């Protein structure tokens, strides 16, 4: 089955770190742009970062300097440092710009103060 699977979410205290993974099953993401979004109940998904096929990445201002995206052929990663309670959300990855445009099912991140 062709899909994206996120993992690595959990509960941490403010100031802590988590590393999210987004693994492609059944296809390679090496030709895809990989995006990360997050969503809280009652709100739309908010874009966080895009990492391109050349490894360059762009970030929303609210995560610049704290989050870092990386990737290999089948997995995109989101290293999240200095987490804040406002970062609590369901985190989603997306592949696009290639033959495989998919969303993952999401992974929950909860940051306590």
N, C-alpha and C. Protein backbone atom coordinates (compact mmCIF):
# COMPACT_ATOMS: atom_id res chain seq x y z
N UNK A 1 0.84 -1.19 0.00
CA UNK A 1 0.00 0.00 0.00
C UNK A 1 0.88 1.24 0.00
N UNK A 2 0.57 2.18 -0.86
CA UNK A 2 1.35 3.41 -0.98
C UNK A 2 0.82 4.41 0.04
N UNK A 3 1.68 4.86 0.91
CA UNK A 3 1.24 5.80 1.94
C UNK A 3 2.42 6.49 2.60
N UNK A 4 2.10 7.57 3.33
CA UNK A 4 3.07 8.24 4.20
C UNK A 4 2.69 7.93 5.63
N UNK A 5 3.69 7.65 6.44
CA UNK A 5 3.43 7.31 7.84
C UNK A 5 4.29 8.19 8.72
N UNK A 6 3.62 9.00 9.57
CA UNK A 6 4.36 9.84 10.52
C UNK A 6 4.56 9.09 11.83
N UNK A 7 5.64 9.43 12.50
CA UNK A 7 5.92 8.87 13.82
C UNK A 7 6.79 9.85 14.59
N UNK A 8 6.94 9.59 15.88
CA UNK A 8 7.84 10.40 16.70
C UNK A 8 7.16 11.41 17.59
N UNK A 9 5.86 11.53 17.47
CA UNK A 9 5.15 12.45 18.34
C UNK A 9 5.13 11.96 19.78
N UNK A 10 4.68 12.81 20.68
CA UNK A 10 4.60 12.44 22.08
C UNK A 10 4.37 13.65 22.95
N UNK A 11 4.58 13.45 24.23
CA UNK A 11 4.39 14.52 25.22
C UNK A 11 5.73 14.92 25.81
N UNK A 12 6.01 16.20 25.81
CA UNK A 12 7.25 16.72 26.37
C UNK A 12 6.96 17.98 27.17
N UNK A 13 7.91 18.36 27.99
CA UNK A 13 7.80 19.63 28.70
C UNK A 13 8.36 20.75 27.84
N UNK A 14 7.93 21.95 28.12
CA UNK A 14 8.44 23.12 27.40
C UNK A 14 9.96 23.15 27.48
N UNK A 15 10.56 23.47 26.35
CA UNK A 15 12.01 23.46 26.26
C UNK A 15 12.58 22.16 25.74
N UNK A 16 11.76 21.15 25.68
CA UNK A 16 12.21 19.84 25.22
C UNK A 16 12.26 19.73 23.71
N UNK A 17 12.62 18.54 23.25
CA UNK A 17 12.79 18.29 21.81
C UNK A 17 12.08 17.01 21.41
N UNK A 18 11.69 16.98 20.17
CA UNK A 18 11.15 15.78 19.54
C UNK A 18 11.64 15.74 18.10
N UNK A 19 11.74 14.54 17.56
CA UNK A 19 12.07 14.38 16.15
C UNK A 19 10.98 13.57 15.49
N UNK A 20 10.29 14.19 14.55
CA UNK A 20 9.23 13.53 13.81
C UNK A 20 9.81 12.91 12.54
N UNK A 21 9.24 11.78 12.16
CA UNK A 21 9.61 11.12 10.91
C UNK A 21 8.38 10.96 10.04
N UNK A 22 8.60 11.03 8.77
CA UNK A 22 7.54 10.82 7.77
C UNK A 22 8.11 9.85 6.74
N UNK A 23 7.67 8.61 6.82
CA UNK A 23 8.25 7.56 6.00
C UNK A 23 7.31 7.17 4.88
N UNK A 24 7.85 7.13 3.68
CA UNK A 24 7.07 6.69 2.52
C UNK A 24 7.11 5.18 2.41
N UNK A 25 5.96 4.60 2.27
CA UNK A 25 5.87 3.15 2.06
C UNK A 25 5.35 2.90 0.66
N UNK A 26 6.09 2.14 -0.12
CA UNK A 26 5.65 1.80 -1.47
C UNK A 26 6.14 2.74 -2.53
N UNK A 27 6.87 3.79 -2.15
CA UNK A 27 7.41 4.71 -3.15
C UNK A 27 8.58 5.48 -2.55
N UNK A 28 9.33 6.09 -3.44
CA UNK A 28 10.45 6.93 -3.03
C UNK A 28 10.05 8.39 -3.13
N UNK A 29 10.49 9.16 -2.16
CA UNK A 29 10.15 10.59 -2.15
C UNK A 29 11.28 11.45 -2.71
N UNK A 30 12.27 10.84 -3.34
CA UNK A 30 13.45 11.62 -3.73
C UNK A 30 13.14 12.69 -4.77
N UNK A 31 12.03 12.57 -5.49
CA UNK A 31 11.66 13.59 -6.46
C UNK A 31 10.52 14.49 -5.96
N UNK A 32 10.14 14.32 -4.68
CA UNK A 32 9.02 15.06 -4.12
C UNK A 32 9.49 16.19 -3.21
N UNK A 33 8.73 17.26 -3.21
CA UNK A 33 8.85 18.24 -2.13
C UNK A 33 8.08 17.69 -0.95
N UNK A 34 8.67 17.80 0.23
CA UNK A 34 8.03 17.29 1.44
C UNK A 34 7.67 18.46 2.35
N UNK A 35 6.41 18.52 2.72
CA UNK A 35 5.91 19.58 3.58
C UNK A 35 5.53 19.02 4.94
N UNK A 36 5.65 19.89 5.94
CA UNK A 36 5.10 19.60 7.27
C UNK A 36 4.06 20.68 7.60
N UNK A 37 2.95 20.22 8.15
CA UNK A 37 1.87 21.10 8.61
C UNK A 37 1.52 20.70 10.04
N UNK A 38 0.79 21.56 10.71
CA UNK A 38 0.22 21.18 11.99
C UNK A 38 -1.19 21.74 12.11
N UNK A 39 -1.96 21.10 12.96
CA UNK A 39 -3.37 21.46 13.09
C UNK A 39 -3.82 21.27 14.52
N UNK A 40 -4.55 22.26 15.03
CA UNK A 40 -5.20 22.15 16.34
C UNK A 40 -6.69 22.09 16.13
N UNK A 41 -7.43 21.53 17.08
CA UNK A 41 -8.88 21.36 16.91
C UNK A 41 -9.58 22.67 16.57
N UNK A 42 -10.41 22.62 15.55
CA UNK A 42 -11.19 23.78 15.15
C UNK A 42 -10.45 24.73 14.24
N UNK A 43 -9.20 24.41 13.91
CA UNK A 43 -8.41 25.30 13.04
C UNK A 43 -7.95 24.58 11.79
N UNK A 44 -7.60 25.36 10.78
CA UNK A 44 -7.09 24.79 9.55
C UNK A 44 -5.65 24.34 9.77
N UNK A 45 -5.20 23.46 8.88
CA UNK A 45 -3.79 23.06 8.93
C UNK A 45 -2.92 24.25 8.59
N UNK A 46 -1.85 24.40 9.35
CA UNK A 46 -0.94 25.52 9.15
C UNK A 46 0.39 24.99 8.64
N UNK A 47 0.87 25.58 7.59
CA UNK A 47 2.15 25.18 7.01
C UNK A 47 3.29 25.53 7.96
N UNK A 48 4.24 24.60 8.07
CA UNK A 48 5.40 24.82 8.93
C UNK A 48 6.67 24.97 8.10
N UNK A 49 6.91 23.98 7.23
CA UNK A 49 8.16 23.96 6.49
C UNK A 49 8.01 23.12 5.23
N UNK A 50 8.79 23.45 4.23
CA UNK A 50 8.91 22.65 3.02
C UNK A 50 10.39 22.33 2.81
N UNK A 51 10.67 21.08 2.52
CA UNK A 51 12.04 20.71 2.18
C UNK A 51 12.03 20.18 0.76
N UNK A 52 12.90 20.73 -0.06
CA UNK A 52 12.89 20.48 -1.49
C UNK A 52 13.85 19.35 -1.84
N UNK A 53 13.82 18.95 -3.10
CA UNK A 53 14.60 17.79 -3.52
C UNK A 53 16.11 18.03 -3.38
N UNK A 54 16.53 19.29 -3.41
CA UNK A 54 17.95 19.58 -3.27
C UNK A 54 18.38 19.71 -1.80
N UNK A 55 17.43 19.54 -0.89
CA UNK A 55 17.73 19.61 0.53
C UNK A 55 17.52 20.98 1.15
N UNK A 56 17.31 22.00 0.34
CA UNK A 56 17.01 23.31 0.88
C UNK A 56 15.62 23.29 1.52
N UNK A 57 15.43 24.15 2.51
CA UNK A 57 14.16 24.19 3.21
C UNK A 57 13.76 25.63 3.49
N UNK A 58 12.47 25.86 3.55
CA UNK A 58 11.92 27.13 3.97
C UNK A 58 11.04 26.89 5.18
N UNK A 59 10.94 27.89 6.05
CA UNK A 59 10.25 27.73 7.32
C UNK A 59 9.31 28.90 7.58
N UNK A 60 8.19 28.57 8.27
CA UNK A 60 7.35 29.64 8.77
C UNK A 60 8.10 30.35 9.89
N UNK A 61 7.81 31.65 10.03
CA UNK A 61 8.50 32.43 11.05
C UNK A 61 8.35 31.87 12.45
N UNK A 62 7.20 31.23 12.73
CA UNK A 62 6.98 30.81 14.11
C UNK A 62 7.81 29.59 14.51
N UNK A 63 8.56 29.01 13.56
CA UNK A 63 9.43 27.88 13.92
C UNK A 63 10.88 28.12 13.55
N UNK A 64 11.16 29.24 12.90
CA UNK A 64 12.53 29.51 12.48
C UNK A 64 13.47 29.53 13.68
N UNK A 65 14.59 28.86 13.52
CA UNK A 65 15.57 28.80 14.59
C UNK A 65 15.32 27.72 15.61
N UNK A 66 14.14 27.10 15.57
CA UNK A 66 13.81 26.04 16.52
C UNK A 66 13.59 24.69 15.84
N UNK A 67 13.03 24.70 14.64
CA UNK A 67 12.73 23.47 13.91
C UNK A 67 13.68 23.35 12.71
N UNK A 68 14.05 22.11 12.39
CA UNK A 68 14.90 21.87 11.23
C UNK A 68 14.41 20.65 10.47
N UNK A 69 14.20 20.83 9.18
CA UNK A 69 13.77 19.74 8.32
C UNK A 69 14.97 19.09 7.65
N UNK A 70 14.89 17.80 7.46
CA UNK A 70 15.90 17.06 6.72
C UNK A 70 15.21 15.90 6.01
N UNK A 71 15.98 15.18 5.20
CA UNK A 71 15.36 14.11 4.43
C UNK A 71 16.39 13.13 3.91
N UNK A 72 15.90 11.93 3.59
CA UNK A 72 16.65 10.99 2.77
C UNK A 72 15.69 10.49 1.69
N UNK A 73 16.00 9.38 1.04
CA UNK A 73 15.20 8.97 -0.12
C UNK A 73 13.77 8.59 0.22
N UNK A 74 13.55 8.13 1.42
CA UNK A 74 12.20 7.64 1.74
C UNK A 74 11.59 8.30 2.97
N UNK A 75 12.36 9.11 3.68
CA UNK A 75 11.86 9.66 4.93
C UNK A 75 12.20 11.14 5.04
N UNK A 76 11.22 11.89 5.49
CA UNK A 76 11.44 13.29 5.85
C UNK A 76 11.42 13.39 7.37
N UNK A 77 12.25 14.26 7.90
CA UNK A 77 12.37 14.42 9.34
C UNK A 77 12.10 15.86 9.73
N UNK A 78 11.58 16.02 10.92
CA UNK A 78 11.39 17.35 11.48
C UNK A 78 11.94 17.33 12.91
N UNK A 79 13.10 17.94 13.08
CA UNK A 79 13.70 18.08 14.39
C UNK A 79 13.14 19.33 15.04
N UNK A 80 12.50 19.14 16.20
CA UNK A 80 11.84 20.26 16.88
C UNK A 80 12.52 20.47 18.23
N UNK A 81 13.12 21.64 18.38
CA UNK A 81 13.82 21.98 19.61
C UNK A 81 13.15 23.15 20.32
N UNK A 82 13.46 23.30 21.59
CA UNK A 82 12.90 24.40 22.38
C UNK A 82 11.38 24.49 22.19
N UNK A 83 10.73 23.37 22.36
CA UNK A 83 9.29 23.32 22.14
C UNK A 83 8.54 24.16 23.16
N UNK A 84 7.44 24.74 22.69
CA UNK A 84 6.60 25.60 23.51
C UNK A 84 5.20 25.01 23.57
N UNK A 85 4.42 25.36 24.60
CA UNK A 85 3.05 24.85 24.66
C UNK A 85 2.24 25.17 23.40
N UNK A 86 2.52 26.30 22.76
CA UNK A 86 1.83 26.66 21.53
C UNK A 86 2.16 25.78 20.35
N UNK A 87 3.18 24.93 20.49
CA UNK A 87 3.51 23.97 19.43
C UNK A 87 2.66 22.71 19.51
N UNK A 88 1.86 22.58 20.55
CA UNK A 88 1.00 21.41 20.68
C UNK A 88 0.01 21.35 19.53
N UNK A 89 -0.01 20.24 18.84
CA UNK A 89 -0.87 20.09 17.65
C UNK A 89 -0.70 18.69 17.10
N UNK A 90 -1.54 18.37 16.13
CA UNK A 90 -1.33 17.18 15.31
C UNK A 90 -0.45 17.60 14.15
N UNK A 91 0.61 16.88 13.92
CA UNK A 91 1.57 17.21 12.86
C UNK A 91 1.39 16.25 11.69
N UNK A 92 1.35 16.81 10.49
CA UNK A 92 1.14 16.06 9.27
C UNK A 92 2.27 16.31 8.28
N UNK A 93 2.59 15.31 7.49
CA UNK A 93 3.51 15.52 6.37
C UNK A 93 2.75 15.31 5.06
N UNK A 94 3.31 15.88 4.02
CA UNK A 94 2.71 15.79 2.70
C UNK A 94 3.81 15.66 1.66
N UNK A 95 3.61 14.81 0.68
CA UNK A 95 4.51 14.75 -0.46
C UNK A 95 3.78 15.41 -1.64
N UNK A 96 4.51 16.17 -2.43
CA UNK A 96 3.91 16.86 -3.57
C UNK A 96 4.97 17.17 -4.61
N UNK A 97 4.47 17.61 -5.76
CA UNK A 97 5.39 17.97 -6.84
C UNK A 97 6.06 16.80 -7.51
N UNK A 98 5.45 15.64 -7.39
CA UNK A 98 6.01 14.43 -7.96
C UNK A 98 4.84 13.53 -8.32
N UNK A 99 5.10 12.30 -8.63
CA UNK A 99 4.02 11.39 -9.02
C UNK A 99 3.18 10.94 -7.83
N UNK A 100 3.64 11.26 -6.63
CA UNK A 100 2.97 10.76 -5.43
C UNK A 100 2.60 11.94 -4.53
N UNK A 101 1.36 12.33 -4.55
CA UNK A 101 0.86 13.43 -3.72
C UNK A 101 0.00 12.83 -2.61
N UNK A 102 0.59 12.72 -1.44
CA UNK A 102 -0.10 12.08 -0.33
C UNK A 102 0.05 12.90 0.95
N UNK A 103 -0.88 12.67 1.85
CA UNK A 103 -0.81 13.14 3.23
C UNK A 103 -0.62 11.93 4.15
N UNK A 104 0.12 12.13 5.22
CA UNK A 104 0.17 11.13 6.26
C UNK A 104 -1.02 11.26 7.19
N UNK A 105 -1.10 10.34 8.15
CA UNK A 105 -2.25 10.30 9.06
C UNK A 105 -2.09 11.21 10.26
N UNK A 106 -0.88 11.71 10.47
CA UNK A 106 -0.64 12.64 11.56
C UNK A 106 -0.05 11.98 12.79
N UNK A 107 0.68 12.79 13.56
CA UNK A 107 1.23 12.34 14.83
C UNK A 107 1.07 13.49 15.84
N UNK A 108 0.62 13.16 17.03
CA UNK A 108 0.27 14.17 18.02
C UNK A 108 1.50 14.61 18.81
N UNK A 109 1.62 15.91 18.96
CA UNK A 109 2.67 16.50 19.81
C UNK A 109 1.98 17.33 20.89
N UNK A 110 2.34 17.06 22.13
CA UNK A 110 1.78 17.80 23.26
C UNK A 110 2.93 18.35 24.10
N UNK A 111 2.91 19.66 24.29
CA UNK A 111 3.97 20.32 25.06
C UNK A 111 3.36 20.94 26.30
N UNK A 112 3.82 20.54 27.46
CA UNK A 112 3.28 21.07 28.71
C UNK A 112 4.21 22.14 29.29
N UNK A 113 3.60 23.06 30.01
CA UNK A 113 4.40 24.16 30.58
C UNK A 113 4.95 23.81 31.95
